Each structure stands twice: as C-alpha cells, then as structure tokens.
C-alpha cells in the first residue's frame, strides 16, 4: 500500500499494515512471498500484508499483533465493558492502572498544557449528551449542556501508579490520542521483530523505512467528503489528520466531534489540520487540538513538541 487517501468518513474504521523483511520490498517481484491476514481489531476491519514472508513465517507476527491490539483494547476501548477506560468512567476510579494508561494520561497532560487547554479528554460527558440527542433527533437541552460543562476540566483528573480518580459524573474519552498511541505500539512491536519497511494506517499513519522502489512512503490528505487536498511523503514519521466535520454530532447547529472545552459554543478555527511527528500519538493529539487553536496558539503548541511539522491547514 503506497498511497493513502484518508477521509473523515473512514477515519478510525480500519487498520492496514504493510511490511517487508529486510531487503524485500512490497511488490518487489513475483518471486517474493507475501502473506496476508484479515480480521477485526479495535472494532474495525483489519488487514495485514507481509512481503517476503511465507504463511508459516508470518503466522507468529500476525499472532503477536493480534495479541497486542487485544491487550491495548482492554485498556483504552470505550466499547468494551471490561476495559480499564470503561471501568474508570463507570466508577470514577481505576485501581492499579496499566503503565500504558499512565503513559497516555501523562501525554494528555502535556498536550493540554501545550494547547492552552484546548486538548481535554474530559469532554466525554458532552459527547455522550450529543450522542443521546442525535439518537432522539433533538438538540441537547440548554440545562443539560450546562450540567455537562461543569464536568469538564482536565485539572480535575488525578492519577498515579496506584489509581486514576475522577470527580463523580466525569468521564474520559481518549479518542483524540489513543489511536495514535496504539499505532506507535504496533510499530514498535514490528520493529522489534526486525521489520524495517512498514506502513501502518490505523486512522493515523506510521511510515517506517521506505517503499519497494527506495522512495519515501506517500500519504494523501483529504477532507471528510473525500476531496484530496494535499499529498505528503513520509519516512520514519507519523501523520495524523483531524477535521471537525469528520463526525457530525448536531447537524442543525453545525457541531462536529471536536469541541472546544474552553468555550463549548465556540466553533473550530479550522476545517482540517494535518500534523507529522516522530510519534503518531503526538501527531494525533496536536492535529485534534489544532482545529481549535489560533495561529499563534498552534505555533506555540508545535514548539513544545520538537520535530513536529504542520503539513496541511485549511
């Protein structure tokens, strides 16, 4: 897979991993073996292609990726009743959090500070309110909105290696960063197994090494309606793109899935932002927050994370 056109309609709904053993490029000749696997992971259709592998050689790699995705789902999923995140949201406390949960919460704190408060995972009660209203084909009541707003505030989240604690009624969503974090973990797993030329697309793109022809990987950046607006090249970098209208919560009011916690009624500054970085989690978080930031705020946020690049902004 050498070119990706990413749209809001398909964002976070699929995972594609293409990889090659050292010295064997994807599509590098009819003699090259290629093993494929399809299934489901993170609630989405999933596929993996390993060039230069026989089925027998690829099987342990596929199993390792499956196990890692399942393990991370049990930590971060909003849709599994047994995940650590769901347990936290249900009871406002999570005892003995996984190291990965603490690592991601720490990154959330850095992103919150760097973005002047625009990045805030405590928006989940507002998300839930809008989701319920959409299902009833009605706008959220003003009183319900005000009540949900009182539950928002990253400064109210307390965590250490013993426990994560929220105020009663609070809840977290890690959708603006967890997908990137999981992408980084899968990339690290494949790298540890000796894979060097790898393209991973889990809504965020992680490009390791190079294409079969020795050139950098290519990624297309598209608006939610599928209109391609830019193309970038990537080598040992990750790319994340966010668009507030990728998921619409309230069509009547034009409310998209990226909400500004600093002023709920304020609409995003941008239609689309694409950021590249050495880490998919960082690129994910900055592209999400970037939709809400002024030019000066966005510049300041990027400076906090050295090596990040603003690829596209509309």
C-alpha atoms as a PDB file:
ATOM      1  CA  UNK A   1       0.000   0.000   0.000  1.00  0.00           C
ATOM      2  CA  UNK A   2       1.826   3.106  -1.175  1.00  0.00           C
ATOM      3  CA  UNK A   3      -0.785   5.835  -1.295  1.00  0.00           C
ATOM      4  CA  UNK A   4      -3.483   6.614   1.242  1.00  0.00           C
ATOM      5  CA  UNK A   5      -6.426   8.973   0.752  1.00  0.00           C
ATOM      6  CA  UNK A   6      -7.789   9.442   4.224  1.00  0.00           C
ATOM      7  CA  UNK A   7     -11.302  10.779   4.760  1.00  0.00           C
ATOM      8  CA  UNK A   8     -13.347  11.586   7.808  1.00  0.00           C
ATOM      9  CA  UNK A   9     -15.914   9.003   6.755  1.00  0.00           C
ATOM     10  CA  UNK A  10     -13.406   6.169   7.064  1.00  0.00           C
ATOM     11  CA  UNK A  11     -11.215   7.628   9.788  1.00  0.00           C
ATOM     12  CA  UNK A  12     -10.639   5.211  12.674  1.00  0.00           C
ATOM     13  CA  UNK A  13     -12.649   2.467  10.995  1.00  0.00           C
ATOM     14  CA  UNK A  14      -9.850   0.433   9.509  1.00  0.00           C
ATOM     15  CA  UNK A  15      -6.332  -0.758  10.138  1.00  0.00           C
ATOM     16  CA  UNK A  16      -3.892  -1.661   7.409  1.00  0.00           C
ATOM     17  CA  UNK A  17      -0.352  -2.873   7.989  1.00  0.00           C
ATOM     18  CA  UNK A  18       2.022  -3.458   5.101  1.00  0.00           C
ATOM     19  CA  UNK A  19       5.544  -4.589   5.891  1.00  0.00           C
ATOM     20  CA  UNK A  20       8.584  -6.199   4.354  1.00  0.00           C
ATOM     21  CA  UNK A  21      11.546  -8.131   5.683  1.00  0.00           C
ATOM     22  CA  UNK A  22      14.941  -6.528   5.264  1.00  0.00           C
ATOM     23  CA  UNK A  23      15.903  -6.458   1.598  1.00  0.00           C
ATOM     24  CA  UNK A  24      12.443  -7.357   0.310  1.00  0.00           C
ATOM     25  CA  UNK A  25      10.194  -4.523  -0.792  1.00  0.00           C
ATOM     26  CA  UNK A  26       6.443  -4.564  -1.087  1.00  0.00           C
ATOM     27  CA  UNK A  27       5.561  -5.537  -4.605  1.00  0.00           C
ATOM     28  CA  UNK A  28       9.238  -6.307  -5.159  1.00  0.00           C
ATOM     29  CA  UNK A  29       8.769  -9.068  -7.731  1.00  0.00           C
ATOM     30  CA  UNK A  30       6.681 -12.112  -8.476  1.00  0.00           C
ATOM     31  CA  UNK A  31       9.175 -14.368  -6.714  1.00  0.00           C
ATOM     32  CA  UNK A  32       8.630 -12.664  -3.371  1.00  0.00           C
ATOM     33  CA  UNK A  33       6.326 -14.486  -0.978  1.00  0.00           C
ATOM     34  CA  UNK A  34       3.541 -12.457   0.542  1.00  0.00           C
ATOM     35  CA  UNK A  35       1.376 -13.450   3.492  1.00  0.00           C
ATOM     36  CA  UNK A  36      -1.961 -11.825   4.262  1.00  0.00           C
ATOM     37  CA  UNK A  37      -4.295 -11.785   7.238  1.00  0.00           C
ATOM     38  CA  UNK A  38      -7.741 -10.252   7.636  1.00  0.00           C
ATOM     39  CA  UNK A  39      -9.933  -9.959  10.696  1.00  0.00           C
ATOM     40  CA  UNK A  40     -11.155  -7.364  13.168  1.00  0.00           C
ATOM     41  CA  UNK A  41      -9.368  -5.233  15.739  1.00  0.00           C
ATOM     42  CA  UNK A  42     -10.301  -2.104  17.661  1.00  0.00           C
ATOM     43  CA  UNK A  43     -13.838  -2.597  16.377  1.00  0.00           C
ATOM     44  CA  UNK A  44     -12.739  -2.232  12.765  1.00  0.00           C
ATOM     45  CA  UNK A  45     -11.947  -4.328   9.717  1.00  0.00           C
ATOM     46  CA  UNK A  46      -8.253  -5.159   9.841  1.00  0.00           C
ATOM     47  CA  UNK A  47      -5.749  -6.405   7.316  1.00  0.00           C
ATOM     48  CA  UNK A  48      -2.039  -7.132   7.338  1.00  0.00           C
ATOM     49  CA  UNK A  49       0.285  -7.883   4.447  1.00  0.00           C
ATOM     50  CA  UNK A  50       3.855  -9.084   4.988  1.00  0.00           C
ATOM     51  CA  UNK A  51       6.046  -9.180   1.890  1.00  0.00           C
ATOM     52  CA  UNK A  52       8.922 -11.647   1.847  1.00  0.00           C
ATOM     53  CA  UNK A  53       7.183 -13.981   4.336  1.00  0.00           C
ATOM     54  CA  UNK A  54       5.692 -17.393   3.799  1.00  0.00           C
ATOM     55  CA  UNK A  55       2.429 -18.107   5.608  1.00  0.00           C
ATOM     56  CA  UNK A  56       4.303 -20.116   8.237  1.00  0.00           C
ATOM     57  CA  UNK A  57       6.847 -17.345   8.803  1.00  0.00           C
ATOM     58  CA  UNK A  58       4.164 -14.671   9.036  1.00  0.00           C
ATOM     59  CA  UNK A  59       1.905 -16.531  11.428  1.00  0.00           C
ATOM     60  CA  UNK A  60       3.781 -15.615  14.653  1.00  0.00           C
ATOM     61  CA  UNK A  61       3.948 -11.969  13.563  1.00  0.00           C
ATOM     62  CA  UNK A  62       0.218 -11.887  12.923  1.00  0.00           C
ATOM     63  CA  UNK A  63      -0.449 -13.515  16.292  1.00  0.00           C
ATOM     64  CA  UNK A  64       1.796 -11.027  18.079  1.00  0.00           C
ATOM     65  CA  UNK A  65      -0.005  -8.047  16.511  1.00  0.00           C
ATOM     66  CA  UNK A  66      -3.411  -9.558  17.314  1.00  0.00           C
ATOM     67  CA  UNK A  67      -2.414 -10.099  20.939  1.00  0.00           C
ATOM     68  CA  UNK A  68      -1.055  -6.572  21.275  1.00  0.00           C
ATOM     69  CA  UNK A  69      -4.168  -4.997  19.778  1.00  0.00           C
ATOM     70  CA  UNK A  70      -6.405  -7.062  22.060  1.00  0.00           C
ATOM     71  CA  UNK A  71      -4.307  -6.122  25.092  1.00  0.00           C
ATOM     72  CA  UNK A  72      -4.474  -2.418  24.295  1.00  0.00           C
ATOM     73  CA  UNK A  73      -8.203  -2.652  23.618  1.00  0.00           C
ATOM     74  CA  UNK A  74      -8.643  -3.971  27.155  1.00  0.00           C
ATOM     75  CA  UNK A  75      -7.051  -0.740  28.371  1.00  0.00           C
ATOM     76  CA  UNK A  76      -8.352   2.016  26.086  1.00  0.00           C
ATOM     77  CA  UNK A  77     -11.576   0.899  24.413  1.00  0.00           C
ATOM     78  CA  UNK A  78     -14.773   2.859  25.090  1.00  0.00           C
ATOM     79  CA  UNK A  79     -16.812  -0.064  23.746  1.00  0.00           C
ATOM     80  CA  UNK A  80     -15.603  -2.995  25.848  1.00  0.00           C
ATOM     81  CA  UNK A  81     -17.313  -3.280  29.206  1.00  0.00           C
ATOM     82  CA  UNK A  82     -14.149  -4.803  30.697  1.00  0.00           C
ATOM     83  CA  UNK A  83     -11.678  -2.139  29.507  1.00  0.00           C
ATOM     84  CA  UNK A  84      -9.838  -0.015  32.033  1.00  0.00           C
ATOM     85  CA  UNK A  85     -11.231   3.160  30.496  1.00  0.00           C
ATOM     86  CA  UNK A  86     -14.832   1.957  30.778  1.00  0.00           C
ATOM     87  CA  UNK A  87     -14.217   0.838  34.365  1.00  0.00           C
ATOM     88  CA  UNK A  88     -12.834   4.294  35.173  1.00  0.00           C
ATOM     89  CA  UNK A  89     -15.780   6.093  33.574  1.00  0.00           C
ATOM     90  CA  UNK A  90     -18.261   3.807  35.306  1.00  0.00           C
ATOM     91  CA  UNK A  91     -16.929   4.160  38.853  1.00  0.00           C
ATOM     92  CA  UNK A  92     -14.776   7.334  38.698  1.00  0.00           C
ATOM     93  CA  UNK A  93     -11.801   5.355  39.994  1.00  0.00           C
ATOM     94  CA  UNK A  94      -9.400   2.866  38.436  1.00  0.00           C
ATOM     95  CA  UNK A  95      -7.127   0.998  40.807  1.00  0.00           C
ATOM     96  CA  UNK A  96      -3.730  -0.262  39.627  1.00  0.00           C
ATOM     97  CA  UNK A  97      -3.876   1.334  36.161  1.00  0.00           C
ATOM     98  CA  UNK A  98      -1.784  -0.231  33.414  1.00  0.00           C
ATOM     99  CA  UNK A  99       1.536   1.515  32.721  1.00  0.00           C
ATOM    100  CA  UNK A 100       0.231   2.319  29.231  1.00  0.00           C
ATOM    101  CA  UNK A 101      -2.762   4.132  30.741  1.00  0.00           C
ATOM    102  CA  UNK A 102      -0.473   6.248  32.910  1.00  0.00           C
ATOM    103  CA  UNK A 103       1.850   6.956  29.983  1.00  0.00           C
ATOM    104  CA  UNK A 104      -1.036   8.119  27.822  1.00  0.00           C
ATOM    105  CA  UNK A 105      -2.576  10.242  30.592  1.00  0.00           C
ATOM    106  CA  UNK A 106       0.799  11.905  31.065  1.00  0.00           C
ATOM    107  CA  UNK A 107       0.902  12.743  27.353  1.00  0.00           C
ATOM    108  CA  UNK A 108      -2.655  14.087  27.603  1.00  0.00           C
ATOM    109  CA  UNK A 109      -1.463  16.446  30.329  1.00  0.00           C
ATOM    110  CA  UNK A 110       1.378  17.691  28.135  1.00  0.00           C
ATOM    111  CA  UNK A 111      -0.982  18.197  25.200  1.00  0.00           C
ATOM    112  CA  UNK A 112      -3.486  20.007  27.426  1.00  0.00           C
ATOM    113  CA  UNK A 113      -0.836  22.428  28.655  1.00  0.00           C
ATOM    114  CA  UNK A 114       0.729  22.929  25.215  1.00  0.00           C
ATOM    115  CA  UNK A 115      -2.652  23.673  23.630  1.00  0.00           C
ATOM    116  CA  UNK A 116      -3.729  26.239  26.228  1.00  0.00           C
ATOM    117  CA  UNK A 117      -6.415  23.821  27.424  1.00  0.00           C
ATOM    118  CA  UNK A 118      -7.922  23.022  24.014  1.00  0.00           C
ATOM    119  CA  UNK A 119      -6.979  19.336  24.271  1.00  0.00           C
ATOM    120  CA  UNK A 120      -9.139  17.893  27.043  1.00  0.00           C
ATOM    121  CA  UNK A 121     -10.207  14.219  27.299  1.00  0.00           C
ATOM    122  CA  UNK A 122     -12.806  15.074  29.970  1.00  0.00           C
ATOM    123  CA  UNK A 123     -15.216  16.126  27.203  1.00  0.00           C
ATOM    124  CA  UNK A 124     -16.812  12.658  27.235  1.00  0.00           C
ATOM    125  CA  UNK A 125     -19.989  13.769  29.119  1.00  0.00           C
ATOM    126  CA  UNK A 126     -20.649  16.303  26.343  1.00  0.00           C
ATOM    127  CA  UNK A 127     -20.044  13.640  23.705  1.00  0.00           C
ATOM    128  CA  UNK A 128     -22.488  11.345  25.461  1.00  0.00           C
ATOM    129  CA  UNK A 129     -25.091  14.107  25.691  1.00  0.00           C
ATOM    130  CA  UNK A 130     -24.841  14.915  21.982  1.00  0.00           C
ATOM    131  CA  UNK A 131     -24.928  11.206  21.068  1.00  0.00           C
ATOM    132  CA  UNK A 132     -28.131  10.740  23.068  1.00  0.00           C
ATOM    133  CA  UNK A 133     -29.664  13.818  21.468  1.00  0.00           C
ATOM    134  CA  UNK A 134     -28.796  12.625  17.959  1.00  0.00           C
ATOM    135  CA  UNK A 135     -30.468   9.294  18.642  1.00  0.00           C
ATOM    136  CA  UNK A 136     -33.615  11.206  19.659  1.00  0.00           C
ATOM    137  CA  UNK A 137     -33.327  13.629  16.710  1.00  0.00           C
ATOM    138  CA  UNK A 138     -33.302  16.602  19.067  1.00  0.00           C
ATOM    139  CA  UNK A 139     -30.808  19.239  20.174  1.00  0.00           C
ATOM    140  CA  UNK A 140     -29.425  18.943  23.726  1.00  0.00           C
ATOM    141  CA  UNK A 141     -31.415  20.946  26.263  1.00  0.00           C
ATOM    142  CA  UNK A 142     -29.660  24.082  27.492  1.00  0.00           C
ATOM    143  CA  UNK A 143     -29.790  22.910  31.103  1.00  0.00           C
ATOM    144  CA  UNK A 144     -28.288  19.540  30.221  1.00  0.00           C
ATOM    145  CA  UNK A 145     -25.483  21.256  28.340  1.00  0.00           C
ATOM    146  CA  UNK A 146     -24.691  23.492  31.304  1.00  0.00           C
ATOM    147  CA  UNK A 147     -24.651  20.474  33.633  1.00  0.00           C
ATOM    148  CA  UNK A 148     -22.308  18.556  31.290  1.00  0.00           C
ATOM    149  CA  UNK A 149     -19.976  21.547  31.062  1.00  0.00           C
ATOM    150  CA  UNK A 150     -19.448  21.502  34.832  1.00  0.00           C
ATOM    151  CA  UNK A 151     -17.983  18.006  34.493  1.00  0.00           C
ATOM    152  CA  UNK A 152     -15.310  19.118  32.025  1.00  0.00           C
ATOM    153  CA  UNK A 153     -11.821  20.041  33.233  1.00  0.00           C
ATOM    154  CA  UNK A 154      -8.525  18.186  32.912  1.00  0.00           C
ATOM    155  CA  UNK A 155      -7.309  19.705  36.190  1.00  0.00           C
ATOM    156  CA  UNK A 156      -9.873  17.532  37.995  1.00  0.00           C
ATOM    157  CA  UNK A 157      -8.199  14.293  36.839  1.00  0.00           C
ATOM    158  CA  UNK A 158      -5.849  12.773  39.427  1.00  0.00           C
ATOM    159  CA  UNK A 159      -3.606   9.838  38.720  1.00  0.00           C
ATOM    160  CA  UNK A 160      -0.542   7.984  39.928  1.00  0.00           C
ATOM    161  CA  UNK A 161       0.665   4.401  39.736  1.00  0.00           C
ATOM    162  CA  UNK A 162      -1.862   3.368  42.382  1.00  0.00           C
ATOM    163  CA  UNK A 163      -5.052   4.805  40.915  1.00  0.00           C
ATOM    164  CA  UNK A 164      -6.764   7.163  38.473  1.00  0.00           C
ATOM    165  CA  UNK A 165      -9.555   9.216  40.021  1.00  0.00           C
ATOM    166  CA  UNK A 166     -12.277  11.426  38.567  1.00  0.00           C
ATOM    167  CA  UNK A 167     -14.920  13.577  40.206  1.00  0.00           C
ATOM    168  CA  UNK A 168     -18.381  11.944  40.308  1.00  0.00           C
ATOM    169  CA  UNK A 169     -20.106  12.174  36.932  1.00  0.00           C
ATOM    170  CA  UNK A 170     -16.898  12.804  34.986  1.00  0.00           C
ATOM    171  CA  UNK A 171     -15.730  10.545  32.162  1.00  0.00           C
ATOM    172  CA  UNK A 172     -12.796  10.436  29.754  1.00  0.00           C
ATOM    173  CA  UNK A 173     -12.516   9.871  26.037  1.00  0.00           C
ATOM    174  CA  UNK A 174      -9.056   9.137  24.685  1.00  0.00           C
ATOM    175  CA  UNK A 175     -10.183   9.070  21.046  1.00  0.00           C
ATOM    176  CA  UNK A 176      -8.045  12.114  20.229  1.00  0.00           C
ATOM    177  CA  UNK A 177      -4.806  10.354  21.098  1.00  0.00           C
ATOM    178  CA  UNK A 178      -5.221   6.621  21.854  1.00  0.00           C
ATOM    179  CA  UNK A 179      -5.387   5.567  18.215  1.00  0.00           C
ATOM    180  CA  UNK A 180      -2.040   7.238  17.600  1.00  0.00           C
ATOM    181  CA  UNK A 181      -0.602   5.663  20.736  1.00  0.00           C
ATOM    182  CA  UNK A 182      -1.715   2.200  19.642  1.00  0.00           C
ATOM    183  CA  UNK A 183      -0.224   2.841  16.201  1.00  0.00           C
ATOM    184  CA  UNK A 184       3.109   3.613  17.878  1.00  0.00           C
ATOM    185  CA  UNK A 185       2.934   0.408  19.911  1.00  0.00           C
ATOM    186  CA  UNK A 186       2.261  -1.750  16.852  1.00  0.00           C
ATOM    187  CA  UNK A 187       5.140  -0.053  15.015  1.00  0.00           C
ATOM    188  CA  UNK A 188       7.475  -0.751  17.940  1.00  0.00           C
ATOM    189  CA  UNK A 189       6.401  -4.397  18.015  1.00  0.00           C
ATOM    190  CA  UNK A 190       7.129  -4.862  14.295  1.00  0.00           C
ATOM    191  CA  UNK A 191      10.437  -3.035  14.599  1.00  0.00           C
ATOM    192  CA  UNK A 192      11.453  -5.332  17.462  1.00  0.00           C
ATOM    193  CA  UNK A 193      10.760  -8.304  15.172  1.00  0.00           C
ATOM    194  CA  UNK A 194      13.189  -6.990  12.576  1.00  0.00           C
ATOM    195  CA  UNK A 195      10.755  -5.312  10.189  1.00  0.00           C
ATOM    196  CA  UNK A 196      12.132  -2.083   8.765  1.00  0.00           C
ATOM    197  CA  UNK A 197       9.931  -1.030   5.840  1.00  0.00           C
ATOM    198  CA  UNK A 198       6.443  -0.756   7.285  1.00  0.00           C
ATOM    199  CA  UNK A 199       3.344   1.313   6.597  1.00  0.00           C
ATOM    200  CA  UNK A 200       0.621   1.261   9.264  1.00  0.00           C
ATOM    201  CA  UNK A 201      -2.730   3.006   8.895  1.00  0.00           C
ATOM    202  CA  UNK A 202      -4.986   2.986  11.943  1.00  0.00           C
ATOM    203  CA  UNK A 203      -6.571   6.339  11.187  1.00  0.00           C
ATOM    204  CA  UNK A 204      -3.119   7.718  11.949  1.00  0.00           C
ATOM    205  CA  UNK A 205      -0.322   6.741   9.561  1.00  0.00           C
ATOM    206  CA  UNK A 206       3.066   5.476  10.715  1.00  0.00           C
ATOM    207  CA  UNK A 207       5.675   5.088   7.956  1.00  0.00           C
ATOM    208  CA  UNK A 208       8.870   3.231   8.784  1.00  0.00           C
ATOM    209  CA  UNK A 209      11.687   2.908   6.286  1.00  0.00           C
ATOM    210  CA  UNK A 210      10.836   3.152   2.608  1.00  0.00           C
ATOM    211  CA  UNK A 211       8.816   1.808  -0.299  1.00  0.00           C
ATOM    212  CA  UNK A 212       9.951  -1.018  -2.526  1.00  0.00           C
ATOM    213  CA  UNK A 213      11.388   1.462  -5.039  1.00  0.00           C
ATOM    214  CA  UNK A 214      13.544   3.127  -2.373  1.00  0.00           C
ATOM    215  CA  UNK A 215      11.450   6.271  -2.205  1.00  0.00           C
ATOM    216  CA  UNK A 216       9.569   7.631   0.780  1.00  0.00           C
ATOM    217  CA  UNK A 217       6.041   6.488   1.534  1.00  0.00           C
ATOM    218  CA  UNK A 218       3.252   8.699   0.197  1.00  0.00           C
ATOM    219  CA  UNK A 219       0.088   9.722   2.020  1.00  0.00           C
ATOM    220  CA  UNK A 220      -2.886  11.637   0.710  1.00  0.00           C
ATOM    221  CA  UNK A 221      -4.777  14.118   2.909  1.00  0.00           C
ATOM    222  CA  UNK A 222      -8.491  14.530   2.229  1.00  0.00           C
ATOM    223  CA  UNK A 223     -11.496  16.435   3.513  1.00  0.00           C
ATOM    224  CA  UNK A 224     -14.394  14.453   5.044  1.00  0.00           C
ATOM    225  CA  UNK A 225     -16.153  14.414   1.656  1.00  0.00           C
ATOM    226  CA  UNK A 226     -13.157  12.668   0.115  1.00  0.00           C
ATOM    227  CA  UNK A 227     -11.689  15.684  -1.691  1.00  0.00           C
ATOM    228  CA  UNK A 228      -7.924  15.245  -1.832  1.00  0.00           C
ATOM    229  CA  UNK A 229      -6.258  18.469  -0.697  1.00  0.00           C
ATOM    230  CA  UNK A 230      -2.601  17.512  -0.295  1.00  0.00           C
ATOM    231  CA  UNK A 231      -0.014  14.761  -0.596  1.00  0.00           C
ATOM    232  CA  UNK A 232       2.975  14.313   1.692  1.00  0.00           C
ATOM    233  CA  UNK A 233       5.961  11.992   1.797  1.00  0.00           C
ATOM    234  CA  UNK A 234       6.935  10.182   4.962  1.00  0.00           C
ATOM    235  CA  UNK A 235       9.955   8.246   6.157  1.00  0.00           C
ATOM    236  CA  UNK A 236      10.256   7.219   9.795  1.00  0.00           C
ATOM    237  CA  UNK A 237       7.463   9.626  10.669  1.00  0.00           C
ATOM    238  CA  UNK A 238       3.802   9.535  11.575  1.00  0.00           C
ATOM    239  CA  UNK A 239       0.952  11.589  10.150  1.00  0.00           C
ATOM    240  CA  UNK A 240      -2.400  12.469  11.719  1.00  0.00           C
ATOM    241  CA  UNK A 241      -5.242  14.453  10.172  1.00  0.00           C
ATOM    242  CA  UNK A 242      -8.256  15.860  12.001  1.00  0.00           C
ATOM    243  CA  UNK A 243     -11.391  17.528  10.694  1.00  0.00           C
ATOM    244  CA  UNK A 244     -14.194  18.733  13.000  1.00  0.00           C
ATOM    245  CA  UNK A 245     -16.816  17.692  10.462  1.00  0.00           C
ATOM    246  CA  UNK A 246     -15.426  14.179  10.120  1.00  0.00           C
ATOM    247  CA  UNK A 247     -18.160  13.164  12.530  1.00  0.00           C
ATOM    248  CA  UNK A 248     -21.162  15.483  12.955  1.00  0.00           C
ATOM    249  CA  UNK A 249     -22.850  15.484  16.361  1.00  0.00           C
ATOM    250  CA  UNK A 250     -25.501  18.139  15.668  1.00  0.00           C
ATOM    251  CA  UNK A 251     -26.109  18.987  12.002  1.00  0.00           C
ATOM    252  CA  UNK A 252     -28.589  21.733  12.842  1.00  0.00           C
ATOM    253  CA  UNK A 253     -26.018  23.666  14.867  1.00  0.00           C
ATOM    254  CA  UNK A 254     -23.014  22.528  12.845  1.00  0.00           C
ATOM    255  CA  UNK A 255     -21.406  20.838  15.848  1.00  0.00           C
ATOM    256  CA  UNK A 256     -18.667  18.407  14.908  1.00  0.00           C
ATOM    257  CA  UNK A 257     -16.848  15.857  17.046  1.00  0.00           C
ATOM    258  CA  UNK A 258     -14.046  18.255  18.013  1.00  0.00           C
ATOM    259  CA  UNK A 259     -15.423  20.521  20.744  1.00  0.00           C
ATOM    260  CA  UNK A 260     -13.581  23.390  22.397  1.00  0.00           C
ATOM    261  CA  UNK A 261     -13.650  22.760  26.175  1.00  0.00           C
ATOM    262  CA  UNK A 262     -12.704  26.371  26.873  1.00  0.00           C
ATOM    263  CA  UNK A 263     -15.934  27.644  25.337  1.00  0.00           C
ATOM    264  CA  UNK A 264     -18.373  24.975  24.253  1.00  0.00           C
ATOM    265  CA  UNK A 265     -20.326  27.251  21.907  1.00  0.00           C
ATOM    266  CA  UNK A 266     -17.210  28.291  20.009  1.00  0.00           C
ATOM    267  CA  UNK A 267     -16.805  26.658  16.615  1.00  0.00           C
ATOM    268  CA  UNK A 268     -13.409  25.286  15.493  1.00  0.00           C
ATOM    269  CA  UNK A 269     -10.943  27.594  13.796  1.00  0.00           C
ATOM    270  CA  UNK A 270     -10.092  25.093  11.049  1.00  0.00           C
ATOM    271  CA  UNK A 271     -11.730  22.716   8.590  1.00  0.00           C
ATOM    272  CA  UNK A 272      -8.759  20.363   8.621  1.00  0.00           C
ATOM    273  CA  UNK A 273      -5.300  20.092  10.122  1.00  0.00           C
ATOM    274  CA  UNK A 274      -2.619  17.522   9.334  1.00  0.00           C
ATOM    275  CA  UNK A 275       0.492  17.176  11.516  1.00  0.00           C
ATOM    276  CA  UNK A 276       3.505  14.903  11.198  1.00  0.00           C
ATOM    277  CA  UNK A 277       5.799  13.887  14.041  1.00  0.00           C
ATOM    278  CA  UNK A 278       8.105  11.121  15.167  1.00  0.00           C
ATOM    279  CA  UNK A 279       5.202   9.776  17.255  1.00  0.00           C
ATOM    280  CA  UNK A 280       1.708   9.044  15.964  1.00  0.00           C
ATOM    281  CA  UNK A 281       0.265   9.798  19.413  1.00  0.00           C
ATOM    282  CA  UNK A 282       1.753  13.299  19.398  1.00  0.00           C
ATOM    283  CA  UNK A 283       0.657  13.925  15.812  1.00  0.00           C
ATOM    284  CA  UNK A 284      -2.833  12.669  16.720  1.00  0.00           C
ATOM    285  CA  UNK A 285      -3.195  14.923  19.746  1.00  0.00           C
ATOM    286  CA  UNK A 286      -1.809  18.020  18.036  1.00  0.00           C
ATOM    287  CA  UNK A 287      -3.978  17.630  14.947  1.00  0.00           C
ATOM    288  CA  UNK A 288      -7.058  17.272  17.160  1.00  0.00           C
ATOM    289  CA  UNK A 289      -6.265  20.294  19.321  1.00  0.00           C
ATOM    290  CA  UNK A 290      -5.008  22.267  16.336  1.00  0.00           C
ATOM    291  CA  UNK A 291      -8.509  22.518  14.901  1.00  0.00           C
ATOM    292  CA  UNK A 292      -9.393  24.733  17.880  1.00  0.00           C
ATOM    293  CA  UNK A 293      -6.291  26.911  18.052  1.00  0.00           C
ATOM    294  CA  UNK A 294      -5.455  30.334  16.705  1.00  0.00           C
ATOM    295  CA  UNK A 295      -2.358  30.656  14.537  1.00  0.00           C
ATOM    296  CA  UNK A 296      -0.258  31.824  17.482  1.00  0.00           C
ATOM    297  CA  UNK A 297      -1.577  29.104  19.804  1.00  0.00           C
ATOM    298  CA  UNK A 298      -0.911  26.414  17.204  1.00  0.00           C
ATOM    299  CA  UNK A 299       2.638  27.657  16.660  1.00  0.00           C
ATOM    300  CA  UNK A 300       3.287  27.571  20.411  1.00  0.00           C
ATOM    301  CA  UNK A 301       1.863  24.055  20.717  1.00  0.00           C
ATOM    302  CA  UNK A 302       4.095  22.708  17.936  1.00  0.00           C
ATOM    303  CA  UNK A 303       7.183  24.242  19.553  1.00  0.00           C
ATOM    304  CA  UNK A 304       6.533  22.268  22.743  1.00  0.00           C
ATOM    305  CA  UNK A 305       6.992  19.016  20.793  1.00  0.00           C
ATOM    306  CA  UNK A 306      10.283  19.273  18.826  1.00  0.00           C
ATOM    307  CA  UNK A 307      10.301  17.655  15.393  1.00  0.00           C
ATOM    308  CA  UNK A 308       6.625  18.204  14.663  1.00  0.00           C
ATOM    309  CA  UNK A 309       5.582  19.693  11.324  1.00  0.00           C
ATOM    310  CA  UNK A 310       2.334  21.340  10.277  1.00  0.00           C
ATOM    311  CA  UNK A 311       1.725  19.636   6.940  1.00  0.00           C
ATOM    312  CA  UNK A 312      -1.677  20.990   5.896  1.00  0.00           C
ATOM    313  CA  UNK A 313      -4.100  23.511   7.321  1.00  0.00           C
ATOM    314  CA  UNK A 314      -7.440  24.646   5.896  1.00  0.00           C
END
